[in-house]
């Protein structure tokens, strides 16, 4: 084989290698772009789910707040009870004894 043919083969091999590298780089760019698009879609879906969850939690918190405000309003309207149940029971018993003894003295 002559040196010219050998050089031509080397040049063709180099050109073929350059073409393969260019095709591989183009394919890698396409793969990367597709991955970026898919990742963007996944992130968008996650944001939507997070927004839905946040709205749900916010609605629950608002409902609980309304319930608490209603309970507070009912507590404000109810007469205050400063005595413990035991003290109330003792007071009722003492009062009942006093009433009985008063009626017994008549």
Foldseek 3Di string as FASTA:
>chain_A
DDPVVVVVVVVVVVVVVVVVVVVVVVVVVVVVVVVVVVVVVVVVVVVVVVVVVVVVVVVVVVVVVVVVVVVVVVVVVDDDDPDDPVVVVVVVVVVVVVVVVVVVVD
